[in-house]
Amino acid sequence: MNDGEEKIVKRPGIVLRLLTALGVGALTLGSGSAAAAPPAAGSAGGDALLVLEGRTDLPGYSGDFDHFAVDLPGNRLFLAAEDHGTLEVFELRSGKHLKSVGGFETPHSIFPVPQTQRLLITDGSDSIKLLDARTLTRAGTLKLHPGADSIGFDGSSGHLYVVTGGKDVKLKESWLEEIDPVTLRKLGEVHLDADHVEAMAVEQQGPHLFVNVTDKNYVAVIDKTTRTVTARWPIREAAQNALAQLDEANHRLFVVARDPGKFIVLNTDSGASIASFAAPKRVDAEIFDVGNRRVYAPGGEGYIGVYAARDAGHFAELPHVASSAGAKTAILVPELRRRYLAVSPGEGKTGGGIIWFDVKAAPAS
């Protein structure tokens, strides 16, 4: 499709509204409830697309949480308690808190490896920590450059990519390291002349991956075969580009930046900007709901930005969904039609938790 011929539209589209009165009493765990959030954007009315179902409180926690992972066969939900130095384990369907596993520096990302029954956890140190997925006991380490943080998985090769280095470990350079999560062999790396590299999106059929080089305000396009940077796409709409999700079939990359908050759509054939909309500033996880053609951007301000991908050339901002202050990381479990958010108490405060929403299907067009 010729980008010059694409028509960018912004219309009310599918209406979202939050129904906090349904299901919460039966499913809420603990004494807390979702905090107040900014009023919904756009008009009210229509069927709800995200319905708040419950909450589990972790009253003794302080600081931020980071990313989730799911063990669907084992009915478990994992959460990296970044500033608490722990891995938190929940029962997936009920949300019940099962266990807290300590011994980490600053846990960020969690990757289950079913072939070996291991969990791989990045924690900002110079090695990935390995846990036995059944017992959650230590099962070794995999040494990398210091500062291991964000990850991306290539299902076509079975390889895992890990961002290392950067300012958090007092380095002015970063790396994208490629490993085999089954054999635990390091396969190679890409050097990046940057001290702040954030999330990536990996093509599952194609030869590229896309990673946010945040301090230089561009997206690096990396050839997975040659491990080279083949293009640098500047993000002009905002600074601090941090999140990335990929609609590979339609050649679209969804980027969320934080200064100011922006949701940006790029053409992955050219890097051209296709559309942009306002987004929360404090987003730490972006989700592309492939089945419903929606992108969710949870903001720590207390609401979720929601965007509809009509087709490759038509996008719309949908009304905000109220969540909870500090809820800025999330995961979608399509098999359960459920979306979980981690509620971070933030610095100097205590009391976090998780909340979850039932995801309603988009109506047929």
Protein backbone atom coordinates (compact mmCIF):
# COMPACT_ATOMS: atom_id res chain seq x y z
CA MET A 1 0.00 0.00 0.00
CA ASN A 2 1.26 3.49 -0.85
CA ASP A 3 1.62 5.48 2.37
CA GLY A 4 0.79 8.69 0.54
CA GLU A 5 -2.64 7.31 -0.30
CA GLU A 6 -3.51 6.09 3.20
CA LYS A 7 -6.31 7.94 4.89
CA ILE A 8 -5.75 8.50 8.60
CA VAL A 9 -8.95 8.80 10.56
CA LYS A 10 -9.73 9.46 14.18
CA ARG A 11 -13.32 8.72 15.07
CA PRO A 12 -15.15 7.57 18.21
CA GLY A 13 -15.38 4.00 16.91
CA ILE A 14 -16.09 1.28 19.43
CA VAL A 15 -17.16 2.74 22.75
CA LEU A 16 -15.53 1.54 25.95
CA ARG A 17 -16.73 2.06 29.46
CA LEU A 18 -15.68 0.49 32.72
CA LEU A 19 -18.23 -1.48 34.70
CA THR A 20 -16.70 -1.69 38.14
CA ALA A 21 -19.90 -2.90 39.76
CA LEU A 22 -19.97 -6.27 38.02
CA GLY A 23 -18.01 -9.20 39.37
CA VAL A 24 -15.75 -7.35 41.77
CA GLY A 25 -17.43 -8.41 44.98
CA ALA A 26 -17.22 -12.09 44.16
CA LEU A 27 -13.70 -12.08 42.79
CA THR A 28 -11.80 -9.38 44.66
CA LEU A 29 -9.11 -10.69 46.98
CA GLY A 30 -7.81 -8.62 49.87
CA SER A 31 -9.20 -5.41 51.25
CA GLY A 32 -8.20 -2.93 48.55
CA SER A 33 -10.12 -1.67 45.58
CA ALA A 34 -9.15 0.04 42.34
CA ALA A 35 -8.21 3.67 42.89
CA ALA A 36 -9.99 6.52 41.18
CA ALA A 37 -8.70 7.48 37.73
CA PRO A 38 -9.19 10.23 35.17
CA PRO A 39 -12.65 10.29 33.62
CA ALA A 40 -13.15 8.26 30.47
CA ALA A 41 -12.36 10.06 27.25
CA GLY A 42 -15.00 10.33 24.60
CA SER A 43 -18.68 9.59 24.89
CA ALA A 44 -20.25 7.11 27.27
CA GLY A 45 -22.51 4.25 26.27
CA GLY A 46 -22.21 1.01 24.31
CA ASP A 47 -21.04 -2.38 25.46
CA ALA A 48 -18.02 -2.58 27.76
CA LEU A 49 -14.88 -4.04 26.22
CA LEU A 50 -12.84 -4.28 29.44
CA VAL A 51 -14.70 -5.23 32.60
CA LEU A 52 -12.90 -5.07 35.94
CA GLU A 53 -13.22 -8.45 37.68
CA GLY A 54 -10.97 -8.47 40.72
CA ARG A 55 -7.93 -7.41 42.67
CA THR A 56 -5.31 -9.03 44.90
CA ASP A 57 -3.49 -6.74 47.32
CA LEU A 58 0.16 -6.96 48.39
CA PRO A 59 0.08 -4.50 51.29
CA GLY A 60 3.73 -4.73 52.38
CA TYR A 61 5.29 -3.85 49.05
CA SER A 62 6.99 -0.63 47.98
CA GLY A 63 8.44 0.66 44.73
CA ASP A 64 7.71 -0.56 41.22
CA PHE A 65 6.68 -3.85 39.69
CA ASP A 66 7.91 -4.80 36.23
CA HIS A 67 6.81 -7.52 33.80
CA PHE A 68 4.53 -10.56 33.94
CA ALA A 69 4.76 -14.09 32.54
CA VAL A 70 2.16 -16.87 32.40
CA ASP A 71 2.32 -20.62 33.00
CA LEU A 72 -1.04 -21.58 31.50
CA PRO A 73 -0.83 -25.38 32.07
CA GLY A 74 0.30 -24.81 35.65
CA ASN A 75 -2.36 -22.15 36.32
CA ARG A 76 0.28 -19.65 37.50
CA LEU A 77 0.94 -15.97 36.93
CA PHE A 78 4.44 -14.59 37.59
CA LEU A 79 5.28 -10.97 38.34
CA ALA A 80 8.69 -9.35 38.70
CA ALA A 81 8.64 -7.17 41.82
CA GLU A 82 11.37 -4.89 40.54
CA ASP A 83 12.08 -2.75 43.59
CA HIS A 84 11.17 -5.47 46.07
CA GLY A 85 13.76 -7.90 44.64
CA THR A 86 11.31 -10.81 44.38
CA LEU A 87 9.37 -12.98 41.98
CA GLU A 88 5.69 -13.01 42.92
CA VAL A 89 3.58 -16.06 42.08
CA PHE A 90 -0.21 -16.03 41.77
CA GLU A 91 -2.87 -18.56 40.91
CA LEU A 92 -3.79 -17.54 37.39
CA ARG A 93 -7.54 -18.02 37.39
CA SER A 94 -8.39 -16.90 40.93
CA GLY A 95 -5.64 -14.30 41.34
CA LYS A 96 -4.70 -15.70 44.75
CA HIS A 97 -1.16 -14.85 45.86
CA LEU A 98 0.74 -18.11 46.27
CA LYS A 99 4.38 -17.35 46.95
CA SER A 100 7.16 -14.78 47.02
CA VAL A 101 10.61 -15.90 45.81
CA GLY A 102 13.59 -13.78 46.83
CA GLY A 103 17.25 -13.58 45.92
CA PHE A 104 17.15 -11.20 42.95
CA GLU A 105 18.72 -7.79 42.40
CA THR A 106 16.14 -5.92 40.31
CA PRO A 107 13.93 -8.44 38.50
CA HIS A 108 12.59 -7.21 35.18
CA SER A 109 11.58 -9.89 32.66
CA ILE A 110 10.52 -13.53 33.04
CA PHE A 111 10.70 -16.17 30.32
CA PRO A 112 9.33 -19.71 30.88
CA VAL A 113 11.11 -22.51 28.99
CA PRO A 114 8.75 -25.52 28.94
CA GLN A 115 11.31 -27.80 27.22
CA THR A 116 13.59 -27.65 30.27
CA GLN A 117 11.08 -26.68 32.97
CA ARG A 118 13.04 -23.51 33.76
CA LEU A 119 12.24 -19.87 34.30
CA LEU A 120 14.77 -17.35 32.98
CA ILE A 121 14.71 -14.06 34.88
CA THR A 122 16.63 -10.88 34.08
CA ASP A 123 17.39 -8.82 37.15
CA GLY A 124 19.74 -6.04 36.08
CA SER A 125 22.82 -8.03 37.07
CA ASP A 126 25.53 -9.61 34.88
CA SER A 127 23.65 -12.89 34.52
CA ILE A 128 20.21 -14.32 33.87
CA LYS A 129 18.92 -16.18 36.90
CA LEU A 130 17.49 -19.66 36.32
CA LEU A 131 14.76 -21.23 38.43
CA ASP A 132 13.30 -24.72 38.34
CA ALA A 133 9.80 -23.91 37.15
CA ARG A 134 8.25 -26.69 39.26
CA THR A 135 9.88 -25.94 42.62
CA LEU A 136 10.94 -22.30 42.03
CA THR A 137 14.38 -23.12 43.42
CA ARG A 138 17.66 -21.92 41.93
CA ALA A 139 18.86 -23.83 38.86
CA GLY A 140 21.92 -21.85 37.76
CA THR A 141 22.85 -18.66 35.92
CA LEU A 142 23.74 -17.54 32.40
CA LYS A 143 26.40 -14.83 32.33
CA LEU A 144 25.87 -11.81 30.05
CA HIS A 145 26.90 -8.17 30.03
CA PRO A 146 25.63 -6.38 33.17
CA GLY A 147 22.23 -4.73 33.21
CA ALA A 148 20.05 -7.53 31.75
CA ASP A 149 16.55 -6.13 31.33
CA SER A 150 14.07 -6.29 28.40
CA ILE A 151 13.59 -9.46 26.35
CA GLY A 152 12.10 -10.49 23.02
CA PHE A 153 11.46 -13.98 21.65
CA ASP A 154 11.74 -15.25 18.07
CA GLY A 155 9.45 -18.26 17.73
CA SER A 156 10.81 -19.10 14.28
CA SER A 157 14.34 -19.72 15.60
CA GLY A 158 13.57 -20.38 19.27
CA HIS A 159 16.07 -17.66 20.21
CA LEU A 160 15.71 -15.11 22.98
CA TYR A 161 17.04 -11.53 22.78
CA VAL A 162 18.09 -9.65 25.92
CA VAL A 163 18.90 -5.94 26.33
CA THR A 164 21.98 -5.39 28.53
CA GLY A 165 24.25 -2.50 29.50
CA GLY A 166 23.14 1.12 29.82
CA LYS A 167 22.99 3.85 32.40
CA ASP A 168 21.45 1.75 35.16
CA VAL A 169 24.77 -0.09 35.43
CA LYS A 170 26.80 3.07 34.74
CA LEU A 171 27.65 2.15 31.14
CA LYS A 172 27.45 4.45 28.12
CA GLU A 173 26.83 1.54 25.74
CA SER A 174 24.29 -1.25 25.43
CA TRP A 175 23.97 -4.64 23.78
CA LEU A 176 21.29 -6.83 22.35
CA GLU A 177 22.40 -10.34 23.24
CA GLU A 178 21.01 -13.43 21.50
CA ILE A 179 20.78 -16.71 23.41
CA ASP A 180 19.29 -20.17 23.04
CA PRO A 181 17.04 -20.47 26.11
CA VAL A 182 17.03 -24.28 25.92
CA THR A 183 20.76 -24.97 25.64
CA LEU A 184 21.70 -21.72 27.44
CA ARG A 185 24.30 -20.91 24.79
CA LYS A 186 25.03 -17.31 23.89
CA LEU A 187 24.82 -17.05 20.10
CA GLY A 188 25.91 -13.48 19.44
CA GLU A 189 25.27 -9.83 20.17
CA VAL A 190 24.62 -6.43 18.61
CA HIS A 191 26.46 -3.44 20.06
CA LEU A 192 24.45 -0.22 20.44
CA ASP A 193 26.10 3.14 21.07
CA ALA A 194 23.46 4.20 23.58
CA ASP A 195 23.01 4.22 27.34
CA HIS A 196 19.23 3.67 27.35
CA VAL A 197 17.63 0.91 25.29
CA GLU A 198 14.09 -0.21 26.03
CA ALA A 199 11.58 -2.71 24.66
CA MET A 200 11.71 -4.51 21.30
CA ALA A 201 9.38 -6.24 18.85
CA VAL A 202 10.58 -9.29 16.92
CA GLU A 203 9.32 -10.46 13.54
CA GLN A 204 8.23 -14.10 13.73
CA GLN A 205 8.20 -14.64 9.97
CA GLY A 206 10.53 -11.94 8.71
CA PRO A 207 14.25 -11.18 9.16
CA HIS A 208 14.07 -8.13 11.42
CA LEU A 209 13.60 -6.99 14.97
CA PHE A 210 12.89 -3.45 16.13
CA VAL A 211 14.25 -2.00 19.37
CA ASN A 212 13.74 1.39 21.01
CA VAL A 213 17.00 3.32 21.40
CA THR A 214 15.46 5.66 23.92
CA ASP A 215 18.25 8.14 24.68
CA LYS A 216 18.83 8.79 20.95
CA ASN A 217 15.10 8.89 20.15
CA TYR A 218 15.03 6.35 17.33
CA VAL A 219 14.02 2.78 16.56
CA ALA A 220 16.90 0.54 15.49
CA VAL A 221 16.07 -2.00 12.80
CA ILE A 222 18.24 -5.08 13.24
CA ASP A 223 18.84 -7.89 10.76
CA LYS A 224 18.55 -11.08 12.83
CA THR A 225 20.80 -13.09 10.50
CA THR A 226 23.74 -10.69 10.26
CA ARG A 227 23.19 -9.09 13.69
CA THR A 228 23.63 -5.63 12.21
CA VAL A 229 21.68 -2.38 12.46
CA THR A 230 20.25 -1.80 9.00
CA ALA A 231 18.23 1.37 9.67
CA ARG A 232 17.56 4.00 12.31
CA TRP A 233 14.06 5.45 12.27
CA PRO A 234 13.73 8.75 14.18
CA ILE A 235 10.69 9.21 16.41
CA ARG A 236 9.68 12.84 15.83
CA GLU A 237 6.35 12.98 17.64
CA ALA A 238 7.79 12.60 21.17
CA ALA A 239 10.90 11.78 23.18
CA GLN A 240 11.59 8.68 25.31
CA ASN A 241 10.26 6.07 22.90
CA ALA A 242 10.10 3.03 25.15
CA LEU A 243 7.49 0.41 24.13
CA ALA A 244 7.00 -1.56 20.93
CA GLN A 245 4.44 -4.02 19.57
CA LEU A 246 4.26 -5.46 16.07
CA ASP A 247 1.43 -6.15 13.65
CA GLU A 248 3.62 -8.19 11.34
CA ALA A 249 0.88 -9.18 8.91
CA ASN A 250 0.08 -5.54 8.16
CA HIS A 251 3.66 -4.23 8.38
CA ARG A 252 2.93 -1.90 11.28
CA LEU A 253 4.98 -1.15 14.39
CA PHE A 254 3.21 0.38 17.40
CA VAL A 255 5.50 2.56 19.53
CA VAL A 256 4.62 4.29 22.81
CA ALA A 257 6.73 7.28 23.88
CA ARG A 258 6.64 9.04 27.24
CA ASP A 259 7.52 12.71 26.67
CA PRO A 260 4.81 13.63 25.96
CA GLY A 261 2.79 10.44 26.03
CA LYS A 262 2.23 9.33 22.43
CA PHE A 263 1.00 6.21 20.63
CA ILE A 264 2.72 6.13 17.24
CA VAL A 265 2.21 3.84 14.24
CA LEU A 266 5.14 3.20 11.88
CA ASN A 267 5.31 1.44 8.52
CA THR A 268 7.84 -1.40 8.97
CA ASP A 269 8.74 -1.33 5.27
CA SER A 270 9.94 2.28 5.38
CA GLY A 271 9.85 3.65 8.93
CA ALA A 272 7.31 6.27 7.87
CA SER A 273 4.96 7.57 10.55
CA ILE A 274 1.36 6.57 9.75
CA ALA A 275 -0.57 7.93 12.73
CA SER A 276 -0.14 9.21 16.27
CA PHE A 277 -2.44 9.82 19.22
CA ALA A 278 -2.13 11.00 22.82
CA ALA A 279 -1.17 8.29 25.31
CA PRO A 280 -0.48 8.06 29.04
CA LYS A 281 3.02 9.21 30.01
CA ARG A 282 3.74 6.47 32.54
CA VAL A 283 3.40 3.36 30.36
CA ASP A 284 5.67 0.38 31.05
CA ALA A 285 4.02 -2.35 28.95
CA GLU A 286 2.19 -2.14 25.64
CA ILE A 287 -0.07 -4.95 24.43
CA PHE A 288 -1.39 -5.74 20.95
CA ASP A 289 -4.62 -7.72 21.21
CA VAL A 290 -4.42 -9.44 17.83
CA GLY A 291 -7.85 -11.06 17.97
CA ASN A 292 -9.67 -7.80 18.72
CA ARG A 293 -7.34 -5.52 16.73
CA ARG A 294 -6.75 -3.28 19.75
CA VAL A 295 -3.63 -1.90 21.41
CA TYR A 296 -3.60 -1.26 25.16
CA ALA A 297 -1.25 1.25 26.82
CA PRO A 298 -1.65 1.10 30.64
CA GLY A 299 -0.63 4.33 32.34
CA GLY A 300 0.49 4.81 35.90
CA GLU A 301 -1.75 7.88 35.96
CA GLY A 302 -4.65 5.49 36.54
CA TYR A 303 -6.10 4.77 33.13
CA ILE A 304 -5.53 2.61 30.05
CA GLY A 305 -5.10 4.16 26.61
CA VAL A 306 -6.88 2.02 24.00
CA TYR A 307 -6.42 2.20 20.23
CA ALA A 308 -8.23 0.40 17.43
CA ALA A 309 -6.38 -0.83 14.36
CA ARG A 310 -9.15 -0.81 11.74
CA ASP A 311 -6.76 -1.88 9.00
CA ALA A 312 -3.22 -0.99 7.92
CA GLY A 313 -4.17 2.63 7.22
CA HIS A 314 -6.97 3.43 9.64
CA PHE A 315 -6.53 3.85 13.40
CA ALA A 316 -8.64 5.37 16.14
CA GLU A 317 -8.22 6.32 19.78
CA LEU A 318 -10.96 4.75 21.88
CA PRO A 319 -12.25 6.07 25.21
CA HIS A 320 -9.94 5.60 28.19
CA VAL A 321 -10.55 2.78 30.65
CA ALA A 322 -10.11 3.58 34.34
CA SER A 323 -7.66 1.25 36.12
CA SER A 324 -5.68 2.14 39.25
CA ALA A 325 -2.93 4.62 40.10
CA GLY A 326 0.44 3.00 39.43
CA ALA A 327 -0.96 0.29 37.10
CA LYS A 328 1.50 0.59 34.22
CA THR A 329 2.62 -2.98 33.43
CA ALA A 330 0.29 -5.63 32.08
CA ILE A 331 -0.15 -8.92 30.27
CA LEU A 332 -2.92 -10.32 28.09
CA VAL A 333 -3.95 -13.98 28.41
CA PRO A 334 -6.09 -14.57 25.31
CA GLU A 335 -6.99 -18.13 26.34
CA LEU A 336 -8.80 -16.73 29.39
CA ARG A 337 -9.91 -13.49 27.70
CA ARG A 338 -8.26 -11.75 30.63
CA ARG A 339 -5.90 -8.83 31.06
CA TYR A 340 -3.82 -8.43 34.23
CA LEU A 341 -2.21 -5.20 35.46
CA ALA A 342 0.38 -4.73 38.20
CA VAL A 343 -0.40 -1.84 40.55
CA SER A 344 2.92 -0.33 41.65
CA PRO A 345 2.81 1.72 44.84
CA GLY A 346 5.80 3.81 43.73
CA GLU A 347 8.67 5.27 45.72
CA GLY A 348 7.96 6.19 49.32
CA LYS A 349 4.65 4.37 49.38
CA THR A 350 3.56 0.88 50.35
CA GLY A 351 0.80 -1.38 49.14
CA GLY A 352 0.65 -2.79 45.63
CA GLY A 353 -1.19 -5.59 43.95
CA ILE A 354 -2.69 -6.90 40.74
CA ILE A 355 -6.04 -6.21 39.09
CA TRP A 356 -7.63 -8.05 36.21
CA PHE A 357 -10.18 -7.34 33.51
CA ASP A 358 -12.38 -9.54 31.37
CA VAL A 359 -11.70 -8.68 27.70
CA LYS A 360 -14.86 -8.51 25.64
CA ALA A 361 -14.68 -9.32 21.94
CA ALA A 362 -14.90 -6.49 19.47
CA PRO A 363 -18.20 -6.59 17.56
CA ALA A 364 -18.06 -7.87 14.01
CA SER A 365 -17.65 -5.08 11.51
